[in-house]
């Protein structure tokens, strides 16, 4: 592994270590020292690569939200008609709720941070906008907004339930929301 400023992976390792620490211990336990130790970099690398903790947190959560939007894209780029789009939305809910617990924790940590510190709402607003853009490929904007909220709510409920609801309930919820909304032609 390269050392010093010639290590092209150092910045990425710091961001990844930040996300790992947030997921494992919560944002309140994140510090420059702990991130540097986790990333295996000198403490001075933190200030070399980032202006401060806020820049690091923003970039880490941007990386996380990019990955989550890519999941939306993976599910919603292929449907050719409204029925396939509804099935894709249900599949997305189950993929997210059955996915890594790390993603659920990071989502909630970001929401908590954005609730407490309004400057972080830029990240959540952009994430929602990008998610709805994928949904609007198949549904009108009002329906896309409702589906976006449904996806988040059902994902959270499935992930935290002792006995998660099945696919049929998810499909019924998606059908109810899309029944009154206008589906766009495939």
Protein backbone atom coordinates (compact mmCIF):
# COMPACT_ATOMS: atom_id res chain seq x y z
CA UNK A 1 0.00 0.00 0.00
CA UNK A 2 1.37 3.40 -0.93
CA UNK A 3 2.00 5.90 1.82
CA UNK A 4 2.13 9.67 2.07
CA UNK A 5 0.35 11.98 -0.30
CA UNK A 6 1.07 9.62 -3.21
CA UNK A 7 -1.56 7.21 -1.91
CA UNK A 8 -4.43 7.78 -4.37
CA UNK A 9 -6.84 5.65 -2.32
CA UNK A 10 -6.33 7.50 0.98
CA UNK A 11 -9.19 9.98 0.56
CA UNK A 12 -11.60 7.19 -0.38
CA UNK A 13 -10.49 5.08 2.59
CA UNK A 14 -11.18 8.01 4.89
CA UNK A 15 -14.69 8.45 3.48
CA UNK A 16 -15.38 4.71 3.70
CA UNK A 17 -14.06 4.58 7.26
CA UNK A 18 -16.32 7.49 8.17
CA UNK A 19 -19.39 5.67 6.87
CA UNK A 20 -18.35 2.46 8.62
CA UNK A 21 -17.92 4.23 11.95
CA UNK A 22 -21.22 6.06 11.62
CA UNK A 23 -22.99 2.79 10.83
CA UNK A 24 -21.34 0.88 13.67
CA UNK A 25 -21.26 3.46 16.45
CA UNK A 26 -23.35 6.46 15.45
CA UNK A 27 -22.39 9.90 14.30
CA UNK A 28 -21.84 11.12 17.87
CA UNK A 29 -18.84 8.78 18.20
CA UNK A 30 -17.13 9.88 14.99
CA UNK A 31 -13.92 11.89 15.38
CA UNK A 32 -10.93 12.68 13.22
CA UNK A 33 -8.75 10.45 15.38
CA UNK A 34 -11.11 7.47 15.21
CA UNK A 35 -11.63 7.83 11.47
CA UNK A 36 -7.87 8.06 10.82
CA UNK A 37 -7.25 4.94 12.91
CA UNK A 38 -10.03 3.07 11.13
CA UNK A 39 -8.76 4.13 7.68
CA UNK A 40 -5.16 3.31 8.58
CA UNK A 41 -3.93 6.80 7.77
CA UNK A 42 -1.99 9.41 9.74
CA UNK A 43 -4.16 11.87 11.67
CA UNK A 44 -2.74 14.72 9.55
CA UNK A 45 -4.39 13.18 6.48
CA UNK A 46 -7.73 14.27 7.83
CA UNK A 47 -6.96 17.97 7.51
CA UNK A 48 -4.95 17.47 4.35
CA UNK A 49 -7.93 15.96 2.51
CA UNK A 50 -10.85 17.71 4.23
CA UNK A 51 -11.42 21.23 5.53
CA UNK A 52 -13.12 19.82 8.60
CA UNK A 53 -15.61 17.31 9.89
CA UNK A 54 -18.53 18.98 8.09
CA UNK A 55 -16.90 18.56 4.69
CA UNK A 56 -16.04 14.95 5.49
CA UNK A 57 -19.58 14.15 6.67
CA UNK A 58 -21.12 15.82 3.61
CA UNK A 59 -18.89 13.87 1.24
CA UNK A 60 -19.43 10.61 3.09
CA UNK A 61 -23.20 11.00 3.04
CA UNK A 62 -23.08 12.09 -0.62
CA UNK A 63 -21.30 8.82 -1.41
CA UNK A 64 -23.93 6.90 0.54
CA UNK A 65 -26.87 8.66 -1.14
CA UNK A 66 -25.29 8.13 -4.56
CA UNK A 67 -25.24 4.40 -3.83
CA UNK A 68 -28.87 4.44 -2.71
CA UNK A 69 -29.96 6.35 -5.82
CA UNK A 70 -28.09 3.78 -7.92
CA UNK A 71 -30.30 1.14 -6.28
CA UNK A 72 -33.37 3.10 -7.41
CA UNK A 73 -31.89 3.26 -10.90
CA UNK A 74 -31.18 -0.48 -10.93
CA UNK A 75 -34.81 -1.24 -10.14
CA UNK A 76 -36.57 1.49 -12.08
CA UNK A 77 -34.59 1.79 -15.30
CA UNK A 78 -35.91 -1.41 -16.85
CA UNK A 79 -39.71 -1.46 -16.54
CA UNK A 80 -41.48 -1.05 -19.86
CA UNK A 81 -45.06 -0.59 -18.65
CA UNK A 82 -46.99 0.51 -15.54
CA UNK A 83 -47.41 -3.04 -14.20
CA UNK A 84 -43.68 -3.66 -14.44
CA UNK A 85 -43.00 -0.30 -12.80
CA UNK A 86 -45.28 -1.16 -9.85
CA UNK A 87 -43.53 -4.53 -9.48
CA UNK A 88 -40.16 -2.76 -9.61
CA UNK A 89 -41.20 -0.39 -6.80
CA UNK A 90 -42.26 -3.36 -4.65
CA UNK A 91 -38.97 -5.07 -5.47
CA UNK A 92 -37.09 -1.95 -4.43
CA UNK A 93 -38.82 -1.88 -1.03
CA UNK A 94 -37.85 -5.49 -0.40
CA UNK A 95 -34.30 -5.07 -1.69
CA UNK A 96 -33.77 -2.10 0.62
CA UNK A 97 -35.39 -3.65 3.69
CA UNK A 98 -33.68 -7.01 3.20
CA UNK A 99 -30.37 -5.31 2.37
CA UNK A 100 -27.51 -4.49 4.70
CA UNK A 101 -28.55 -3.14 8.12
CA UNK A 102 -25.72 -0.65 7.55
CA UNK A 103 -27.81 1.15 4.92
CA UNK A 104 -30.76 1.49 7.27
CA UNK A 105 -28.54 2.88 10.03
CA UNK A 106 -26.82 5.33 7.68
CA UNK A 107 -30.19 6.50 6.37
CA UNK A 108 -31.47 7.18 9.87
CA UNK A 109 -28.22 8.86 10.93
CA UNK A 110 -28.42 11.18 7.93
CA UNK A 111 -32.07 12.01 8.66
CA UNK A 112 -31.25 12.73 12.29
CA UNK A 113 -28.31 14.93 11.30
CA UNK A 114 -30.47 16.81 8.78
CA UNK A 115 -33.18 17.27 11.39
CA UNK A 116 -30.75 18.76 13.88
CA UNK A 117 -28.60 20.69 11.43
CA UNK A 118 -30.56 22.25 8.55
CA UNK A 119 -27.44 22.69 6.39
CA UNK A 120 -27.47 18.90 5.91
CA UNK A 121 -30.98 19.01 4.49
CA UNK A 122 -29.42 19.84 1.15
CA UNK A 123 -28.27 16.20 1.06
CA UNK A 124 -31.67 14.75 1.95
CA UNK A 125 -33.51 17.09 -0.45
CA UNK A 126 -31.17 16.13 -3.29
CA UNK A 127 -31.55 12.43 -2.48
CA UNK A 128 -35.35 12.73 -2.54
CA UNK A 129 -35.25 14.73 -5.77
CA UNK A 130 -33.06 12.14 -7.47
CA UNK A 131 -35.21 9.25 -6.21
CA UNK A 132 -38.37 10.92 -7.46
CA UNK A 133 -36.71 11.53 -10.84
CA UNK A 134 -36.44 7.76 -11.23
CA UNK A 135 -40.04 7.27 -10.13
CA UNK A 136 -41.24 10.02 -12.50
CA UNK A 137 -40.03 7.93 -15.44
CA UNK A 138 -43.12 5.81 -14.74
CA UNK A 139 -45.54 7.90 -12.65
CA UNK A 140 -46.75 11.49 -12.52
CA UNK A 141 -44.92 13.78 -10.04
CA UNK A 142 -47.60 13.61 -7.33
CA UNK A 143 -47.70 9.83 -7.43
CA UNK A 144 -43.88 9.69 -7.50
CA UNK A 145 -43.75 11.81 -4.32
CA UNK A 146 -46.22 9.50 -2.58
CA UNK A 147 -44.33 6.40 -3.72
CA UNK A 148 -41.04 7.86 -2.50
CA UNK A 149 -42.52 8.27 0.98
CA UNK A 150 -44.11 4.82 0.81
CA UNK A 151 -40.79 3.22 -0.16
CA UNK A 152 -39.05 4.80 2.82
CA UNK A 153 -41.83 3.96 5.26
CA UNK A 154 -42.33 0.36 4.16
CA UNK A 155 -38.57 -0.20 4.04
CA UNK A 156 -38.21 1.00 7.62
CA UNK A 157 -41.21 -1.00 8.85
CA UNK A 158 -40.03 -4.20 7.13
CA UNK A 159 -36.46 -3.79 8.35
CA UNK A 160 -37.45 -3.22 11.98
CA UNK A 161 -40.44 -5.55 12.30
CA UNK A 162 -40.15 -8.80 14.22
CA UNK A 163 -42.22 -10.35 11.45
CA UNK A 164 -41.79 -8.26 8.30
CA UNK A 165 -44.81 -8.02 6.03
CA UNK A 166 -44.69 -9.96 2.78
CA UNK A 167 -44.50 -8.93 -0.83
CA UNK A 168 -48.28 -9.04 -1.27
CA UNK A 169 -48.83 -6.22 1.23
CA UNK A 170 -46.14 -4.12 -0.48
CA UNK A 171 -47.70 -4.73 -3.88
CA UNK A 172 -51.14 -3.80 -2.54
CA UNK A 173 -49.82 -0.53 -1.07
CA UNK A 174 -48.09 0.37 -4.34
CA UNK A 175 -51.25 -0.48 -6.30
CA UNK A 176 -53.39 1.72 -4.06
CA UNK A 177 -51.14 4.72 -4.48
CA UNK A 178 -50.73 4.26 -8.23
CA UNK A 179 -54.43 3.54 -8.84
CA UNK A 180 -55.34 7.20 -8.54
CA UNK A 181 -52.13 8.51 -10.04
CA UNK A 182 -51.33 8.72 -13.70
CA UNK A 183 -48.84 6.15 -14.92
CA UNK A 184 -46.69 7.29 -17.77
CA UNK A 185 -46.56 5.15 -20.91
CA UNK A 186 -43.70 2.66 -21.00
